[in-house]
Amino acid sequence: MGENGGRAPEGESATTYVISSDCMSCGVCEFMCHTGAIVQAPNQFIITKQLCDGCAECVPYCPAEAIVRRDRLTERQEDTVRARLRQVLGGG
């Protein structure tokens, strides 16, 4: 679990994790999330930032290594995630 009981480091947003387009939609992360923050959307799983406490317990269980810290996404991945979220949420 790590320091801070698995919580995001002090001063860091609890919503620092996102599911990248590498997601295989296997559902393991949803099962492992103790807050229910990870939900299946039409095209892939997403992290509901209002429910995510930043514990990162889901990260080691992702076989595609698709759950990543937001600040470690490359610009290209961020663009892909934004486009996918627009699709998932019906915005384009």
PDB file of N, CA and C in Angstrom:
ATOM      1  N   MET A   1       0.818  -1.200   0.000  1.00  0.00           N
ATOM      2  CA  MET A   1       0.000   0.000   0.000  1.00  0.00           C
ATOM      3  C   MET A   1       0.853   1.251   0.000  1.00  0.00           C
ATOM      4  N   GLY A   2       1.954   1.263   0.699  1.00  0.00           N
ATOM      5  CA  GLY A   2       2.845   2.416   0.641  1.00  0.00           C
ATOM      6  C   GLY A   2       2.582   3.438   1.710  1.00  0.00           C
ATOM      7  N   GLU A   3       3.322   4.545   1.614  1.00  0.00           N
ATOM      8  CA  GLU A   3       3.178   5.626   2.578  1.00  0.00           C
ATOM      9  C   GLU A   3       1.791   6.236   2.487  1.00  0.00           C
ATOM     10  N   ASN A   4       1.367   6.924   3.524  1.00  0.00           N
ATOM     11  CA  ASN A   4       0.065   7.589   3.595  1.00  0.00           C
ATOM     12  C   ASN A   4      -1.084   6.602   3.460  1.00  0.00           C
ATOM     13  N   GLY A   5      -0.871   5.333   3.815  1.00  0.00           N
ATOM     14  CA  GLY A   5      -1.942   4.363   3.738  1.00  0.00           C
ATOM     15  C   GLY A   5      -2.487   4.181   2.337  1.00  0.00           C
ATOM     16  N   GLY A   6      -1.653   4.405   1.328  1.00  0.00           N
ATOM     17  CA  GLY A   6      -2.093   4.246  -0.045  1.00  0.00           C
ATOM     18  C   GLY A   6      -2.725   5.486  -0.628  1.00  0.00           C
ATOM     19  N   ARG A   7      -2.833   6.524   0.135  1.00  0.00           N
ATOM     20  CA  ARG A   7      -3.449   7.771  -0.335  1.00  0.00           C
ATOM     21  C   ARG A   7      -2.460   8.580  -1.161  1.00  0.00           C
ATOM     22  N   ALA A   8      -2.990   9.525  -1.918  1.00  0.00           N
ATOM     23  CA  ALA A   8      -2.143  10.415  -2.709  1.00  0.00           C
ATOM     24  C   ALA A   8      -1.258  11.224  -1.765  1.00  0.00           C
ATOM     25  N   PRO A   9      -0.016  11.495  -2.165  1.00  0.00           N
ATOM     26  CA  PRO A   9       0.872  12.304  -1.327  1.00  0.00           C
ATOM     27  C   PRO A   9       0.246  13.654  -0.995  1.00  0.00           C
ATOM     28  N   GLU A  10       0.617  14.185   0.157  1.00  0.00           N
ATOM     29  CA  GLU A  10       0.073  15.466   0.607  1.00  0.00           C
ATOM     30  C   GLU A  10       0.281  16.541  -0.455  1.00  0.00           C
ATOM     31  N   GLY A  11      -0.758  17.318  -0.700  1.00  0.00           N
ATOM     32  CA  GLY A  11      -0.691  18.385  -1.683  1.00  0.00           C
ATOM     33  C   GLY A  11      -0.974  17.921  -3.097  1.00  0.00           C
ATOM     34  N   GLU A  12      -1.169  16.627  -3.279  1.00  0.00           N
ATOM     35  CA  GLU A  12      -1.439  16.081  -4.603  1.00  0.00           C
ATOM     36  C   GLU A  12      -2.909  15.700  -4.672  1.00  0.00           C
ATOM     37  N   SER A  13      -3.530  16.005  -5.785  1.00  0.00           N
ATOM     38  CA  SER A  13      -4.941  15.690  -5.966  1.00  0.00           C
ATOM     39  C   SER A  13      -5.159  14.192  -5.888  1.00  0.00           C
ATOM     40  N   ALA A  14      -6.268  13.797  -5.299  1.00  0.00           N
ATOM     41  CA  ALA A  14      -6.612  12.385  -5.231  1.00  0.00           C
ATOM     42  C   ALA A  14      -6.977  11.843  -6.609  1.00  0.00           C
ATOM     43  N   THR A  15      -7.208  12.713  -7.553  1.00  0.00           N
ATOM     44  CA  THR A  15      -7.628  12.276  -8.881  1.00  0.00           C
ATOM     45  C   THR A  15      -6.472  12.344  -9.869  1.00  0.00           C
ATOM     46  N   THR A  16      -5.318  11.887  -9.464  1.00  0.00           N
ATOM     47  CA  THR A  16      -4.153  11.956 -10.333  1.00  0.00           C
ATOM     48  C   THR A  16      -4.044  10.759 -11.262  1.00  0.00           C
ATOM     49  N   TYR A  17      -4.951   9.809 -11.178  1.00  0.00           N
ATOM     50  CA  TYR A  17      -4.887   8.626 -12.022  1.00  0.00           C
ATOM     51  C   TYR A  17      -5.959   8.656 -13.099  1.00  0.00           C
ATOM     52  N   VAL A  18      -5.591   8.180 -14.280  1.00  0.00           N
ATOM     53  CA  VAL A  18      -6.527   8.062 -15.395  1.00  0.00           C
ATOM     54  C   VAL A  18      -6.314   6.697 -16.040  1.00  0.00           C
ATOM     55  N   ILE A  19      -7.307   6.261 -16.788  1.00  0.00           N
ATOM     56  CA  ILE A  19      -7.187   5.017 -17.536  1.00  0.00           C
ATOM     57  C   ILE A  19      -6.924   5.396 -18.984  1.00  0.00           C
ATOM     58  N   SER A  20      -5.772   4.993 -19.479  1.00  0.00           N
ATOM     59  CA  SER A  20      -5.370   5.368 -20.838  1.00  0.00           C
ATOM     60  C   SER A  20      -6.091   4.516 -21.878  1.00  0.00           C
ATOM     61  N   SER A  21      -5.869   4.856 -23.123  1.00  0.00           N
ATOM     62  CA  SER A  21      -6.495   4.123 -24.229  1.00  0.00           C
ATOM     63  C   SER A  21      -5.940   2.708 -24.374  1.00  0.00           C
ATOM     64  N   ASP A  22      -4.944   2.354 -23.575  1.00  0.00           N
ATOM     65  CA  ASP A  22      -4.422   0.988 -23.578  1.00  0.00           C
ATOM     66  C   ASP A  22      -5.356   0.014 -22.863  1.00  0.00           C
ATOM     67  N   CYS A  23      -6.408   0.531 -22.250  1.00  0.00           N
ATOM     68  CA  CYS A  23      -7.372  -0.287 -21.508  1.00  0.00           C
ATOM     69  C   CYS A  23      -7.918  -1.411 -22.386  1.00  0.00           C
ATOM     70  N   MET A  24      -7.926  -2.642 -21.845  1.00  0.00           N
ATOM     71  CA  MET A  24      -8.443  -3.817 -22.546  1.00  0.00           C
ATOM     72  C   MET A  24      -9.888  -4.114 -22.146  1.00  0.00           C
ATOM     73  N   SER A  25     -10.444  -3.303 -21.249  1.00  0.00           N
ATOM     74  CA  SER A  25     -11.811  -3.490 -20.746  1.00  0.00           C
ATOM     75  C   SER A  25     -12.011  -4.845 -20.077  1.00  0.00           C
ATOM     76  N   CYS A  26     -11.002  -5.295 -19.338  1.00  0.00           N
ATOM     77  CA  CYS A  26     -11.101  -6.594 -18.664  1.00  0.00           C
ATOM     78  C   CYS A  26     -11.929  -6.517 -17.380  1.00  0.00           C
ATOM     79  N   GLY A  27     -11.974  -5.340 -16.742  1.00  0.00           N
ATOM     80  CA  GLY A  27     -12.791  -5.161 -15.553  1.00  0.00           C
ATOM     81  C   GLY A  27     -12.104  -5.436 -14.228  1.00  0.00           C
ATOM     82  N   VAL A  28     -10.851  -5.844 -14.248  1.00  0.00           N
ATOM     83  CA  VAL A  28     -10.138  -6.140 -13.005  1.00  0.00           C
ATOM     84  C   VAL A  28     -10.065  -4.898 -12.120  1.00  0.00           C
ATOM     85  N   CYS A  29      -9.778  -3.752 -12.712  1.00  0.00           N
ATOM     86  CA  CYS A  29      -9.650  -2.514 -11.934  1.00  0.00           C
ATOM     87  C   CYS A  29     -10.961  -2.164 -11.235  1.00  0.00           C
ATOM     88  N   GLU A  30     -12.073  -2.343 -11.927  1.00  0.00           N
ATOM     89  CA  GLU A  30     -13.383  -2.055 -11.336  1.00  0.00           C
ATOM     90  C   GLU A  30     -13.607  -2.934 -10.114  1.00  0.00           C
ATOM     91  N   PHE A  31     -13.248  -4.198 -10.223  1.00  0.00           N
ATOM     92  CA  PHE A  31     -13.393  -5.138  -9.121  1.00  0.00           C
ATOM     93  C   PHE A  31     -12.502  -4.763  -7.939  1.00  0.00           C
ATOM     94  N   MET A  32     -11.297  -4.276  -8.216  1.00  0.00           N
ATOM     95  CA  MET A  32     -10.337  -3.967  -7.163  1.00  0.00           C
ATOM     96  C   MET A  32     -10.574  -2.619  -6.492  1.00  0.00           C
ATOM     97  N   CYS A  33     -11.340  -1.734  -7.112  1.00  0.00           N
ATOM     98  CA  CYS A  33     -11.543  -0.386  -6.573  1.00  0.00           C
ATOM     99  C   CYS A  33     -12.504  -0.412  -5.389  1.00  0.00           C
ATOM    100  N   HIS A  34     -12.001  -0.088  -4.209  1.00  0.00           N
ATOM    101  CA  HIS A  34     -12.817  -0.147  -2.996  1.00  0.00           C
ATOM    102  C   HIS A  34     -13.794   1.023  -2.865  1.00  0.00           C
ATOM    103  N   THR A  35     -13.619   2.079  -3.655  1.00  0.00           N
ATOM    104  CA  THR A  35     -14.532   3.222  -3.568  1.00  0.00           C
ATOM    105  C   THR A  35     -15.596   3.213  -4.656  1.00  0.00           C
ATOM    106  N   GLY A  36     -15.476   2.305  -5.615  1.00  0.00           N
ATOM    107  CA  GLY A  36     -16.423   2.276  -6.726  1.00  0.00           C
ATOM    108  C   GLY A  36     -16.184   3.375  -7.740  1.00  0.00           C
ATOM    109  N   ALA A  37     -14.972   3.929  -7.751  1.00  0.00           N
ATOM    110  CA  ALA A  37     -14.658   5.047  -8.647  1.00  0.00           C
ATOM    111  C   ALA A  37     -14.455   4.613 -10.093  1.00  0.00           C
ATOM    112  N   ILE A  38     -14.145   3.350 -10.297  1.00  0.00           N
ATOM    113  CA  ILE A  38     -13.903   2.870 -11.657  1.00  0.00           C
ATOM    114  C   ILE A  38     -15.178   2.218 -12.169  1.00  0.00           C
ATOM    115  N   VAL A  39     -15.657   2.742 -13.286  1.00  0.00           N
ATOM    116  CA  VAL A  39     -16.907   2.246 -13.864  1.00  0.00           C
ATOM    117  C   VAL A  39     -16.724   1.966 -15.351  1.00  0.00           C
ATOM    118  N   GLN A  40     -17.553   1.054 -15.842  1.00  0.00           N
ATOM    119  CA  GLN A  40     -17.494   0.733 -17.261  1.00  0.00           C
ATOM    120  C   GLN A  40     -18.342   1.722 -18.036  1.00  0.00           C
ATOM    121  N   ALA A  41     -17.717   2.350 -19.008  1.00  0.00           N
ATOM    122  CA  ALA A  41     -18.406   3.244 -19.929  1.00  0.00           C
ATOM    123  C   ALA A  41     -18.561   2.476 -21.243  1.00  0.00           C
ATOM    124  N   PRO A  42     -19.254   3.037 -22.220  1.00  0.00           N
ATOM    125  CA  PRO A  42     -19.470   2.291 -23.466  1.00  0.00           C
ATOM    126  C   PRO A  42     -18.203   1.798 -24.164  1.00  0.00           C
ATOM    127  N   ASN A  43     -17.127   2.544 -24.113  1.00  0.00           N
ATOM    128  CA  ASN A  43     -15.933   2.158 -24.866  1.00  0.00           C
ATOM    129  C   ASN A  43     -14.767   1.653 -24.029  1.00  0.00           C
ATOM    130  N   GLN A  44     -14.732   1.969 -22.753  1.00  0.00           N
ATOM    131  CA  GLN A  44     -13.676   1.492 -21.860  1.00  0.00           C
ATOM    132  C   GLN A  44     -14.048   1.882 -20.437  1.00  0.00           C
ATOM    133  N   PHE A  45     -13.224   1.493 -19.488  1.00  0.00           N
ATOM    134  CA  PHE A  45     -13.446   1.864 -18.095  1.00  0.00           C
ATOM    135  C   PHE A  45     -12.913   3.269 -17.860  1.00  0.00           C
ATOM    136  N   ILE A  46     -13.546   3.987 -16.947  1.00  0.00           N
ATOM    137  CA  ILE A  46     -13.105   5.334 -16.593  1.00  0.00           C
ATOM    138  C   ILE A  46     -13.065   5.467 -15.074  1.00  0.00           C
ATOM    139  N   ILE A  47     -12.296   6.434 -14.596  1.00  0.00           N
ATOM    140  CA  ILE A  47     -12.211   6.724 -13.168  1.00  0.00           C
ATOM    141  C   ILE A  47     -13.071   7.943 -12.884  1.00  0.00           C
ATOM    142  N   THR A  48     -14.040   7.780 -11.993  1.00  0.00           N
ATOM    143  CA  THR A  48     -14.909   8.874 -11.590  1.00  0.00           C
ATOM    144  C   THR A  48     -14.174   9.688 -10.536  1.00  0.00           C
ATOM    145  N   LYS A  49     -13.751  10.891 -10.910  1.00  0.00           N
ATOM    146  CA  LYS A  49     -12.868  11.645 -10.025  1.00  0.00           C
ATOM    147  C   LYS A  49     -13.517  12.020  -8.700  1.00  0.00           C
ATOM    148  N   GLN A  50     -14.824  12.144  -8.646  1.00  0.00           N
ATOM    149  CA  GLN A  50     -15.487  12.478  -7.390  1.00  0.00           C
ATOM    150  C   GLN A  50     -15.403  11.337  -6.377  1.00  0.00           C
ATOM    151  N   LEU A  51     -15.208  10.119  -6.848  1.00  0.00           N
ATOM    152  CA  LEU A  51     -15.146   8.963  -5.957  1.00  0.00           C
ATOM    153  C   LEU A  51     -13.730   8.456  -5.698  1.00  0.00           C
ATOM    154  N   CYS A  52     -12.803   8.789  -6.578  1.00  0.00           N
ATOM    155  CA  CYS A  52     -11.431   8.294  -6.455  1.00  0.00           C
ATOM    156  C   CYS A  52     -10.724   8.952  -5.271  1.00  0.00           C
ATOM    157  N   ASP A  53     -10.144   8.122  -4.401  1.00  0.00           N
ATOM    158  CA  ASP A  53      -9.398   8.683  -3.266  1.00  0.00           C
ATOM    159  C   ASP A  53      -7.885   8.657  -3.508  1.00  0.00           C
ATOM    160  N   GLY A  54      -7.474   8.259  -4.705  1.00  0.00           N
ATOM    161  CA  GLY A  54      -6.060   8.296  -5.058  1.00  0.00           C
ATOM    162  C   GLY A  54      -5.211   7.204  -4.450  1.00  0.00           C
ATOM    163  N   CYS A  55      -5.831   6.138  -3.962  1.00  0.00           N
ATOM    164  CA  CYS A  55      -5.067   5.095  -3.271  1.00  0.00           C
ATOM    165  C   CYS A  55      -4.160   4.287  -4.194  1.00  0.00           C
ATOM    166  N   ALA A  56      -4.477   4.230  -5.469  1.00  0.00           N
ATOM    167  CA  ALA A  56      -3.695   3.506  -6.479  1.00  0.00           C
ATOM    168  C   ALA A  56      -3.707   1.994  -6.292  1.00  0.00           C
ATOM    169  N   GLU A  57      -4.639   1.466  -5.529  1.00  0.00           N
ATOM    170  CA  GLU A  57      -4.729   0.018  -5.343  1.00  0.00           C
ATOM    171  C   GLU A  57      -5.016  -0.702  -6.655  1.00  0.00           C
ATOM    172  N   CYS A  58      -5.655  -0.036  -7.590  1.00  0.00           N
ATOM    173  CA  CYS A  58      -6.003  -0.641  -8.876  1.00  0.00           C
ATOM    174  C   CYS A  58      -4.802  -0.796  -9.803  1.00  0.00           C
ATOM    175  N   VAL A  59      -3.826   0.066  -9.666  1.00  0.00           N
ATOM    176  CA  VAL A  59      -2.710   0.147 -10.619  1.00  0.00           C
ATOM    177  C   VAL A  59      -1.984  -1.183 -10.828  1.00  0.00           C
ATOM    178  N   PRO A  60      -1.544  -1.876  -9.788  1.00  0.00           N
ATOM    179  CA  PRO A  60      -0.775  -3.097 -10.030  1.00  0.00           C
ATOM    180  C   PRO A  60      -1.592  -4.250 -10.614  1.00  0.00           C
ATOM    181  N   TYR A  61      -2.903  -4.150 -10.578  1.00  0.00           N
ATOM    182  CA  TYR A  61      -3.748  -5.230 -11.080  1.00  0.00           C
ATOM    183  C   TYR A  61      -4.105  -5.086 -12.551  1.00  0.00           C
ATOM    184  N   CYS A  62      -3.784  -3.960 -13.159  1.00  0.00           N
ATOM    185  CA  CYS A  62      -4.136  -3.729 -14.560  1.00  0.00           C
ATOM    186  C   CYS A  62      -3.168  -4.481 -15.474  1.00  0.00           C
ATOM    187  N   PRO A  63      -3.657  -5.517 -16.197  1.00  0.00           N
ATOM    188  CA  PRO A  63      -2.751  -6.282 -17.052  1.00  0.00           C
ATOM    189  C   PRO A  63      -2.211  -5.482 -18.240  1.00  0.00           C
ATOM    190  N   ALA A  64      -2.914  -4.431 -18.629  1.00  0.00           N
ATOM    191  CA  ALA A  64      -2.471  -3.594 -19.757  1.00  0.00           C
ATOM    192  C   ALA A  64      -1.627  -2.411 -19.304  1.00  0.00           C
ATOM    193  N   GLU A  65      -1.459  -2.270 -17.980  1.00  0.00           N
ATOM    194  CA  GLU A  65      -0.754  -1.116 -17.408  1.00  0.00           C
ATOM    195  C   GLU A  65      -1.351   0.190 -17.925  1.00  0.00           C
ATOM    196  N   ALA A  66      -2.682   0.209 -18.019  1.00  0.00           N
ATOM    197  CA  ALA A  66      -3.395   1.362 -18.570  1.00  0.00           C
ATOM    198  C   ALA A  66      -3.741   2.415 -17.527  1.00  0.00           C
ATOM    199  N   ILE A  67      -3.631   2.092 -16.243  1.00  0.00           N
ATOM    200  CA  ILE A  67      -3.936   3.066 -15.196  1.00  0.00           C
ATOM    201  C   ILE A  67      -2.640   3.776 -14.845  1.00  0.00           C
ATOM    202  N   VAL A  68      -2.603   5.048 -15.174  1.00  0.00           N
ATOM    203  CA  VAL A  68      -1.367   5.814 -15.020  1.00  0.00           C
ATOM    204  C   VAL A  68      -1.635   7.136 -14.321  1.00  0.00           C
ATOM    205  N   ARG A  69      -0.579   7.660 -13.728  1.00  0.00           N
ATOM    206  CA  ARG A  69      -0.691   8.992 -13.133  1.00  0.00           C
ATOM    207  C   ARG A  69      -0.880  10.002 -14.251  1.00  0.00           C
ATOM    208  N   ARG A  70      -1.787  10.919 -14.037  1.00  0.00           N
ATOM    209  CA  ARG A  70      -2.097  11.928 -15.050  1.00  0.00           C
ATOM    210  C   ARG A  70      -0.842  12.685 -15.486  1.00  0.00           C
ATOM    211  N   ASP A  71       0.037  13.014 -14.544  1.00  0.00           N
ATOM    212  CA  ASP A  71       1.225  13.792 -14.893  1.00  0.00           C
ATOM    213  C   ASP A  71       2.269  12.985 -15.669  1.00  0.00           C
ATOM    214  N   ARG A  72       2.066  11.694 -15.822  1.00  0.00           N
ATOM    215  CA  ARG A  72       3.004  10.870 -16.579  1.00  0.00           C
ATOM    216  C   ARG A  72       2.489  10.507 -17.968  1.00  0.00           C
ATOM    217  N   LEU A  73       1.319  10.975 -18.281  1.00  0.00           N
ATOM    218  CA  LEU A  73       0.809  10.743 -19.629  1.00  0.00           C
ATOM    219  C   LEU A  73       1.573  11.612 -20.611  1.00  0.00           C
ATOM    220  N   THR A  74       1.854  11.072 -21.743  1.00  0.00           N
ATOM    221  CA  THR A  74       2.470  11.896 -22.775  1.00  0.00           C
ATOM    222  C   THR A  74       1.386  12.777 -23.381  1.00  0.00           C
ATOM    223  N   GLU A  75       1.791  13.801 -24.088  1.00  0.00           N
ATOM    224  CA  GLU A  75       0.820  14.694 -24.713  1.00  0.00           C
ATOM    225  C   GLU A  75      -0.110  13.904 -25.642  1.00  0.00           C
ATOM    226  N   ARG A  76       0.441  12.981 -26.372  1.00  0.00           N
ATOM    227  CA  ARG A  76      -0.365  12.174 -27.291  1.00  0.00           C
ATOM    228  C   ARG A  76      -1.396  11.344 -26.536  1.00  0.00           C
ATOM    229  N   GLN A  77      -0.980  10.742 -25.430  1.00  0.00           N
ATOM    230  CA  GLN A  77      -1.913   9.950 -24.642  1.00  0.00           C
ATOM    231  C   GLN A  77      -3.015  10.829 -24.077  1.00  0.00           C
ATOM    232  N   GLU A  78      -2.665  12.035 -23.614  1.00  0.00           N
ATOM    233  CA  GLU A  78      -3.680  12.942 -23.091  1.00  0.00           C
ATOM    234  C   GLU A  78      -4.717  13.261 -24.155  1.00  0.00           C
ATOM    235  N   ASP A  79      -4.263  13.521 -25.369  1.00  0.00           N
ATOM    236  CA  ASP A  79      -5.192  13.803 -26.462  1.00  0.00           C
ATOM    237  C   ASP A  79      -6.108  12.612 -26.720  1.00  0.00           C
ATOM    238  N   THR A  80      -5.542  11.419 -26.675  1.00  0.00           N
ATOM    239  CA  THR A  80      -6.331  10.207 -26.886  1.00  0.00           C
ATOM    240  C   THR A  80      -7.360  10.032 -25.778  1.00  0.00           C
ATOM    241  N   VAL A  81      -6.943  10.263 -24.540  1.00  0.00           N
ATOM    242  CA  VAL A  81      -7.860  10.134 -23.407  1.00  0.00           C
ATOM    243  C   VAL A  81      -8.991  11.151 -23.517  1.00  0.00           C
ATOM    244  N   ARG A  82      -8.668  12.398 -23.856  1.00  0.00           N
ATOM    245  CA  ARG A  82      -9.708  13.425 -24.005  1.00  0.00           C
ATOM    246  C   ARG A  82     -10.708  13.045 -25.099  1.00  0.00           C
ATOM    247  N   ALA A  83     -10.197  12.582 -26.227  1.00  0.00           N
ATOM    248  CA  ALA A  83     -11.077  12.184 -27.331  1.00  0.00           C
ATOM    249  C   ALA A  83     -11.967  11.016 -26.915  1.00  0.00           C
ATOM    250  N   ARG A  84     -11.396  10.055 -26.217  1.00  0.00           N
ATOM    251  CA  ARG A  84     -12.168   8.893 -25.769  1.00  0.00           C
ATOM    252  C   ARG A  84     -13.231   9.307 -24.761  1.00  0.00           C
ATOM    253  N   LEU A  85     -12.886  10.194 -23.841  1.00  0.00           N
ATOM    254  CA  LEU A  85     -13.865  10.669 -22.864  1.00  0.00           C
ATOM    255  C   LEU A  85     -15.010  11.404 -23.540  1.00  0.00           C
ATOM    256  N   ARG A  86     -14.693  12.194 -24.559  1.00  0.00           N
ATOM    257  CA  ARG A  86     -15.759  12.875 -25.302  1.00  0.00           C
ATOM    258  C   ARG A  86     -16.699  11.851 -25.930  1.00  0.00           C
ATOM    259  N   GLN A  87     -16.139  10.779 -26.480  1.00  0.00           N
ATOM    260  CA  GLN A  87     -16.962   9.714 -27.061  1.00  0.00           C
ATOM    261  C   GLN A  87     -17.811   9.047 -25.991  1.00  0.00           C
ATOM    262  N   VAL A  88     -17.169   8.690 -24.886  1.00  0.00           N
ATOM    263  CA  VAL A  88     -17.838   7.976 -23.804  1.00  0.00           C
ATOM    264  C   VAL A  88     -18.951   8.812 -23.191  1.00  0.00           C
ATOM    265  N   LEU A  89     -18.678  10.082 -23.010  1.00  0.00           N
ATOM    266  CA  LEU A  89     -19.642  10.959 -22.351  1.00  0.00           C
ATOM    267  C   LEU A  89     -20.605  11.617 -23.332  1.00  0.00           C
ATOM    268  N   GLY A  90     -20.501  11.264 -24.597  1.00  0.00           N
ATOM    269  CA  GLY A  90     -21.447  11.756 -25.590  1.00  0.00           C
ATOM    270  C   GLY A  90     -21.184  13.155 -26.086  1.00  0.00           C
ATOM    271  N   GLY A  91     -19.976  13.643 -25.930  1.00  0.00           N
ATOM    272  CA  GLY A  91     -19.658  14.998 -26.368  1.00  0.00           C
ATOM    273  C   GLY A  91     -18.964  15.056 -27.709  1.00  0.00           C
ATOM    274  N   GLY A  92     -18.993  14.023 -28.494  1.00  0.00           N
ATOM    275  CA  GLY A  92     -18.363  14.093 -29.805  1.00  0.00           C
ATOM    276  C   GLY A  92     -17.782  12.836 -30.179  1.00  0.00           C
TER     277      GLY A  92
END
